[in-house]
Each structure stands twice: as C-alpha cells, then as structure tokens.
Amino acid sequence: MHEMSLAQSIVELVEERARAEGAQRVTRVGLAVGALGHVEPEALTFCLASAVRDTLLEGCAFDIVRPGGRAYCFDCRHEVEIAARGDACPGCGGHALHVAGGEDLKVTHMEIV
C-alpha cells in the first residue's frame, strides 16, 4: 500500500515546515488528492492516523479535497474534465486525450500553534 509511504512523507514535510515556523503543534492540514492520482483518500486517511503518532501532527485534522481530472482532447482541441483515465471526451466522444491535471497530491495549507 503506497498510501503509507505517502502519509509518512506528508507528515515529515509538514512537521519540518511547522518546526521551521516555531510551531508547538499542527492542528489542521489541507490536502488535495487528484482524482487521477492513484491515491485512495480513505486509505490515505487511515495511514495518516498511524503516521502522525508521536509527531507535531498527533491529533491533527486533515481536510482532503478531491480535484477532478482534466485532459486535453486532440480531436476537438479543448481541455475537458474527466472522471477516470480512459474516459471519452465529454464534448466529442473521442479518445485522443492527454491528461492535463488531477494527478497531483498537494499539501494546500496547515494550521499551527
């Protein structure tokens, strides 16, 4: 399950930044988990609960948003929203799509005390 290594990396990144800011504790972290990014938000949440133990993030709330996928359609020459890889273009029905967004995993914000 790669979500555990992602959770550990998120905790390390946020904790490092929080320490640099002189924080005693992190109370909230925002994450954007792209719909096309091969990350299951439920599994990530489960792994984060374990990864925060004995860190500045212990007891922290995680706000996870799931931005949709975006792709450029070479047939109709428009950027379109897609729910999953392999979807047809919702505009023209073509399959000549290049993923243009929705693959990222980003820390969007954090609250510290």
N, C-alpha and C. Protein backbone atom coordinates (compact mmCIF):
# COMPACT_ATOMS: atom_id res chain seq x y z
N MET A 1 0.86 -1.17 0.00
CA MET A 1 0.00 0.00 0.00
C MET A 1 0.90 1.24 0.00
N HIS A 2 0.95 1.94 -1.11
CA HIS A 2 1.82 3.11 -1.20
C HIS A 2 1.28 4.30 -0.43
N GLU A 3 0.03 4.25 0.01
CA GLU A 3 -0.53 5.34 0.80
C GLU A 3 0.23 5.53 2.11
N MET A 4 0.79 4.46 2.68
CA MET A 4 1.55 4.60 3.92
C MET A 4 2.82 5.41 3.70
N SER A 5 3.53 5.14 2.62
CA SER A 5 4.74 5.93 2.35
C SER A 5 4.37 7.38 2.03
N LEU A 6 3.25 7.58 1.35
CA LEU A 6 2.79 8.95 1.09
C LEU A 6 2.43 9.65 2.40
N ALA A 7 1.74 8.95 3.29
CA ALA A 7 1.37 9.53 4.58
C ALA A 7 2.61 9.91 5.38
N GLN A 8 3.60 9.05 5.41
CA GLN A 8 4.83 9.35 6.13
C GLN A 8 5.55 10.55 5.53
N SER A 9 5.56 10.66 4.22
CA SER A 9 6.19 11.80 3.56
C SER A 9 5.44 13.10 3.86
N ILE A 10 4.12 13.04 3.86
CA ILE A 10 3.31 14.22 4.18
C ILE A 10 3.61 14.68 5.59
N VAL A 11 3.63 13.75 6.54
CA VAL A 11 3.89 14.09 7.94
C VAL A 11 5.28 14.70 8.08
N GLU A 12 6.28 14.11 7.45
CA GLU A 12 7.65 14.65 7.52
C GLU A 12 7.71 16.06 6.94
N LEU A 13 7.09 16.26 5.79
CA LEU A 13 7.09 17.57 5.14
C LEU A 13 6.43 18.63 6.01
N VAL A 14 5.24 18.32 6.52
CA VAL A 14 4.51 19.29 7.33
C VAL A 14 5.23 19.54 8.65
N GLU A 15 5.73 18.49 9.26
CA GLU A 15 6.43 18.67 10.54
C GLU A 15 7.69 19.52 10.36
N GLU A 16 8.41 19.29 9.30
CA GLU A 16 9.62 20.08 9.02
C GLU A 16 9.27 21.56 8.87
N ARG A 17 8.21 21.84 8.11
CA ARG A 17 7.80 23.24 7.91
C ARG A 17 7.28 23.85 9.21
N ALA A 18 6.53 23.08 9.98
CA ALA A 18 6.00 23.58 11.25
C ALA A 18 7.13 23.91 12.22
N ARG A 19 8.13 23.06 12.29
CA ARG A 19 9.28 23.34 13.16
C ARG A 19 10.01 24.60 12.70
N ALA A 20 10.15 24.78 11.40
CA ALA A 20 10.80 25.97 10.86
C ALA A 20 10.04 27.24 11.25
N GLU A 21 8.74 27.11 11.44
CA GLU A 21 7.90 28.24 11.85
C GLU A 21 7.83 28.39 13.37
N GLY A 22 8.49 27.49 14.10
CA GLY A 22 8.48 27.55 15.56
C GLY A 22 7.22 27.01 16.20
N ALA A 23 6.49 26.18 15.50
CA ALA A 23 5.23 25.65 15.99
C ALA A 23 5.44 24.60 17.08
N GLN A 24 4.49 24.53 17.98
CA GLN A 24 4.46 23.51 19.01
C GLN A 24 3.60 22.33 18.58
N ARG A 25 2.62 22.64 17.70
CA ARG A 25 1.67 21.61 17.28
C ARG A 25 1.04 22.02 15.96
N VAL A 26 0.67 21.03 15.16
CA VAL A 26 -0.09 21.25 13.93
C VAL A 26 -1.51 20.78 14.21
N THR A 27 -2.49 21.67 13.99
CA THR A 27 -3.88 21.33 14.33
C THR A 27 -4.71 20.93 13.12
N ARG A 28 -4.32 21.38 11.93
CA ARG A 28 -5.11 21.08 10.73
C ARG A 28 -4.19 21.12 9.52
N VAL A 29 -4.43 20.18 8.59
CA VAL A 29 -3.67 20.14 7.33
C VAL A 29 -4.66 19.92 6.20
N GLY A 30 -4.52 20.69 5.14
CA GLY A 30 -5.33 20.52 3.95
C GLY A 30 -4.55 19.77 2.88
N LEU A 31 -5.21 18.83 2.24
CA LEU A 31 -4.60 18.04 1.17
C LEU A 31 -5.52 18.04 -0.04
N ALA A 32 -4.92 18.16 -1.22
CA ALA A 32 -5.64 17.99 -2.48
C ALA A 32 -5.13 16.69 -3.10
N VAL A 33 -6.02 15.73 -3.25
CA VAL A 33 -5.68 14.40 -3.78
C VAL A 33 -6.39 14.26 -5.12
N GLY A 34 -5.66 14.47 -6.20
CA GLY A 34 -6.26 14.43 -7.54
C GLY A 34 -6.95 13.11 -7.85
N ALA A 35 -8.07 13.20 -8.54
CA ALA A 35 -8.89 12.03 -8.88
C ALA A 35 -8.15 11.02 -9.77
N LEU A 36 -7.15 11.49 -10.50
CA LEU A 36 -6.42 10.59 -11.41
C LEU A 36 -5.06 10.17 -10.84
N GLY A 37 -4.83 10.45 -9.57
CA GLY A 37 -3.52 10.26 -8.97
C GLY A 37 -3.23 8.90 -8.37
N HIS A 38 -4.11 7.93 -8.51
CA HIS A 38 -3.88 6.59 -7.98
C HIS A 38 -3.68 6.57 -6.47
N VAL A 39 -4.37 7.48 -5.77
CA VAL A 39 -4.33 7.52 -4.32
C VAL A 39 -5.77 7.43 -3.82
N GLU A 40 -6.03 6.50 -2.93
CA GLU A 40 -7.35 6.34 -2.34
C GLU A 40 -7.42 7.20 -1.09
N PRO A 41 -8.27 8.22 -1.06
CA PRO A 41 -8.35 9.10 0.11
C PRO A 41 -8.65 8.36 1.41
N GLU A 42 -9.49 7.34 1.37
CA GLU A 42 -9.81 6.59 2.58
C GLU A 42 -8.58 5.85 3.11
N ALA A 43 -7.82 5.25 2.23
CA ALA A 43 -6.60 4.55 2.64
C ALA A 43 -5.57 5.55 3.15
N LEU A 44 -5.46 6.70 2.50
CA LEU A 44 -4.53 7.73 2.95
C LEU A 44 -4.91 8.22 4.34
N THR A 45 -6.19 8.44 4.58
CA THR A 45 -6.66 8.88 5.90
C THR A 45 -6.31 7.85 6.96
N PHE A 46 -6.52 6.59 6.66
CA PHE A 46 -6.18 5.51 7.59
C PHE A 46 -4.68 5.52 7.90
N CYS A 47 -3.87 5.67 6.88
CA CYS A 47 -2.42 5.66 7.06
C CYS A 47 -1.93 6.91 7.81
N LEU A 48 -2.55 8.04 7.56
CA LEU A 48 -2.18 9.27 8.26
C LEU A 48 -2.42 9.13 9.76
N ALA A 49 -3.50 8.45 10.14
CA ALA A 49 -3.80 8.26 11.56
C ALA A 49 -2.66 7.55 12.27
N SER A 50 -2.01 6.65 11.57
CA SER A 50 -0.86 5.94 12.15
C SER A 50 0.42 6.78 12.07
N ALA A 51 0.62 7.45 10.96
CA ALA A 51 1.86 8.19 10.71
C ALA A 51 2.05 9.40 11.62
N VAL A 52 0.97 9.94 12.15
CA VAL A 52 1.08 11.15 12.99
C VAL A 52 1.45 10.86 14.44
N ARG A 53 1.42 9.60 14.83
CA ARG A 53 1.73 9.26 16.23
C ARG A 53 3.11 9.77 16.63
N ASP A 54 3.17 10.39 17.79
CA ASP A 54 4.41 10.91 18.37
C ASP A 54 5.08 11.98 17.50
N THR A 55 4.27 12.75 16.76
CA THR A 55 4.78 13.87 15.97
C THR A 55 4.01 15.13 16.35
N LEU A 56 4.41 16.25 15.78
CA LEU A 56 3.69 17.51 16.00
C LEU A 56 2.28 17.45 15.43
N LEU A 57 1.99 16.48 14.60
CA LEU A 57 0.68 16.37 13.95
C LEU A 57 -0.28 15.45 14.70
N GLU A 58 0.14 14.87 15.81
CA GLU A 58 -0.75 13.97 16.53
C GLU A 58 -2.03 14.70 16.92
N GLY A 59 -3.18 14.13 16.59
CA GLY A 59 -4.46 14.75 16.86
C GLY A 59 -4.90 15.75 15.81
N CYS A 60 -4.13 15.91 14.79
CA CYS A 60 -4.39 16.87 13.71
C CYS A 60 -5.60 16.44 12.87
N ALA A 61 -6.35 17.43 12.40
CA ALA A 61 -7.46 17.16 11.47
C ALA A 61 -6.94 17.31 10.05
N PHE A 62 -7.38 16.44 9.16
CA PHE A 62 -7.00 16.51 7.76
C PHE A 62 -8.23 16.84 6.92
N ASP A 63 -8.11 17.90 6.13
CA ASP A 63 -9.16 18.29 5.19
C ASP A 63 -8.71 17.83 3.81
N ILE A 64 -9.38 16.83 3.27
CA ILE A 64 -8.99 16.28 1.97
C ILE A 64 -10.03 16.66 0.92
N VAL A 65 -9.56 17.32 -0.14
CA VAL A 65 -10.42 17.62 -1.28
C VAL A 65 -9.94 16.77 -2.45
N ARG A 66 -10.84 16.49 -3.36
CA ARG A 66 -10.55 15.58 -4.48
C ARG A 66 -10.79 16.31 -5.81
N PRO A 67 -9.80 17.10 -6.28
CA PRO A 67 -9.97 17.78 -7.57
C PRO A 67 -10.17 16.76 -8.69
N GLY A 68 -11.05 17.09 -9.61
CA GLY A 68 -11.32 16.21 -10.74
C GLY A 68 -10.17 16.17 -11.73
N GLY A 69 -10.27 15.22 -12.64
CA GLY A 69 -9.26 15.09 -13.68
C GLY A 69 -9.54 16.04 -14.84
N ARG A 70 -8.47 16.46 -15.50
CA ARG A 70 -8.58 17.30 -16.69
C ARG A 70 -7.71 16.70 -17.79
N ALA A 71 -8.17 16.85 -19.01
CA ALA A 71 -7.42 16.32 -20.14
C ALA A 71 -7.61 17.24 -21.34
N TYR A 72 -6.61 17.24 -22.20
CA TYR A 72 -6.71 17.97 -23.47
C TYR A 72 -7.13 16.97 -24.53
N CYS A 73 -8.18 17.32 -25.28
CA CYS A 73 -8.67 16.45 -26.35
C CYS A 73 -8.05 16.92 -27.67
N PHE A 74 -7.29 16.04 -28.30
CA PHE A 74 -6.67 16.38 -29.57
C PHE A 74 -7.69 16.41 -30.71
N ASP A 75 -8.83 15.73 -30.54
CA ASP A 75 -9.85 15.71 -31.58
C ASP A 75 -10.61 17.04 -31.65
N CYS A 76 -11.12 17.50 -30.51
CA CYS A 76 -11.91 18.74 -30.53
C CYS A 76 -11.12 19.95 -30.05
N ARG A 77 -9.87 19.72 -29.61
CA ARG A 77 -8.96 20.79 -29.20
C ARG A 77 -9.48 21.63 -28.03
N HIS A 78 -10.02 20.94 -27.05
CA HIS A 78 -10.49 21.60 -25.84
C HIS A 78 -9.94 20.87 -24.62
N GLU A 79 -9.79 21.62 -23.52
CA GLU A 79 -9.49 20.98 -22.25
C GLU A 79 -10.82 20.60 -21.62
N VAL A 80 -10.93 19.36 -21.17
CA VAL A 80 -12.19 18.84 -20.65
C VAL A 80 -11.96 18.19 -19.30
N GLU A 81 -13.04 18.04 -18.55
CA GLU A 81 -12.99 17.32 -17.29
C GLU A 81 -13.30 15.85 -17.54
N ILE A 82 -12.51 14.98 -16.88
CA ILE A 82 -12.76 13.54 -16.97
C ILE A 82 -12.74 12.96 -15.56
N ALA A 83 -13.51 11.91 -15.35
CA ALA A 83 -13.58 11.27 -14.04
C ALA A 83 -12.50 10.22 -13.85
N ALA A 84 -12.08 9.58 -14.95
CA ALA A 84 -11.10 8.50 -14.86
C ALA A 84 -10.30 8.41 -16.15
N ARG A 85 -9.12 7.84 -16.03
CA ARG A 85 -8.31 7.58 -17.23
C ARG A 85 -9.10 6.64 -18.14
N GLY A 86 -9.00 6.86 -19.43
CA GLY A 86 -9.70 6.02 -20.38
C GLY A 86 -11.09 6.53 -20.74
N ASP A 87 -11.57 7.54 -20.00
CA ASP A 87 -12.87 8.12 -20.33
C ASP A 87 -12.79 8.78 -21.71
N ALA A 88 -13.92 8.81 -22.38
CA ALA A 88 -14.02 9.52 -23.66
C ALA A 88 -14.18 11.01 -23.38
N CYS A 89 -13.85 11.81 -24.37
CA CYS A 89 -14.07 13.25 -24.28
C CYS A 89 -15.58 13.50 -24.14
N PRO A 90 -15.99 14.26 -23.12
CA PRO A 90 -17.41 14.54 -22.97
C PRO A 90 -17.96 15.46 -24.06
N GLY A 91 -17.07 16.14 -24.78
CA GLY A 91 -17.51 17.04 -25.84
C GLY A 91 -17.73 16.36 -27.17
N CYS A 92 -16.77 15.52 -27.59
CA CYS A 92 -16.85 14.93 -28.93
C CYS A 92 -16.88 13.41 -28.93
N GLY A 93 -16.64 12.79 -27.76
CA GLY A 93 -16.65 11.33 -27.69
C GLY A 93 -15.33 10.69 -28.10
N GLY A 94 -14.35 11.50 -28.47
CA GLY A 94 -13.06 10.97 -28.89
C GLY A 94 -12.24 10.44 -27.72
N HIS A 95 -11.21 9.67 -28.06
CA HIS A 95 -10.34 9.09 -27.04
C HIS A 95 -8.90 9.58 -27.15
N ALA A 96 -8.67 10.59 -27.97
CA ALA A 96 -7.31 11.13 -28.12
C ALA A 96 -7.09 12.20 -27.06
N LEU A 97 -6.96 11.73 -25.81
CA LEU A 97 -6.84 12.64 -24.68
C LEU A 97 -5.46 12.56 -24.05
N HIS A 98 -4.99 13.72 -23.60
CA HIS A 98 -3.74 13.81 -22.86
C HIS A 98 -4.08 14.39 -21.49
N VAL A 99 -3.76 13.66 -20.41
CA VAL A 99 -4.07 14.12 -19.06
C VAL A 99 -3.33 15.43 -18.79
N ALA A 100 -4.09 16.43 -18.33
CA ALA A 100 -3.53 17.76 -18.09
C ALA A 100 -3.66 18.18 -16.63
N GLY A 101 -4.29 17.38 -15.80
CA GLY A 101 -4.42 17.74 -14.39
C GLY A 101 -5.22 16.70 -13.63
N GLY A 102 -5.12 16.78 -12.31
CA GLY A 102 -5.85 15.84 -11.47
C GLY A 102 -5.02 14.66 -11.02
N GLU A 103 -3.70 14.73 -11.22
CA GLU A 103 -2.81 13.65 -10.81
C GLU A 103 -2.04 14.00 -9.53
N ASP A 104 -2.13 15.25 -9.10
CA ASP A 104 -1.30 15.75 -8.02
C ASP A 104 -1.78 15.34 -6.64
N LEU A 105 -0.84 15.32 -5.72
CA LEU A 105 -1.10 15.22 -4.30
C LEU A 105 -0.37 16.41 -3.69
N LYS A 106 -1.14 17.34 -3.12
CA LYS A 106 -0.54 18.57 -2.61
C LYS A 106 -0.99 18.85 -1.18
N VAL A 107 -0.06 19.37 -0.39
CA VAL A 107 -0.42 19.96 0.89
C VAL A 107 -0.83 21.38 0.56
N THR A 108 -2.09 21.73 0.84
CA THR A 108 -2.59 23.05 0.46
C THR A 108 -2.50 24.08 1.57
N HIS A 109 -2.59 23.62 2.81
CA HIS A 109 -2.48 24.55 3.94
C HIS A 109 -2.25 23.77 5.24
N MET A 110 -1.81 24.51 6.24
CA MET A 110 -1.69 23.92 7.57
C MET A 110 -1.94 24.99 8.61
N GLU A 111 -2.49 24.58 9.74
CA GLU A 111 -2.71 25.47 10.86
C GLU A 111 -1.82 25.00 12.00
N ILE A 112 -1.10 25.93 12.60
CA ILE A 112 -0.15 25.60 13.66
C ILE A 112 -0.41 26.45 14.89
N VAL A 113 0.06 25.96 16.03
CA VAL A 113 0.02 26.74 17.27
C VAL A 113 1.36 26.63 17.95
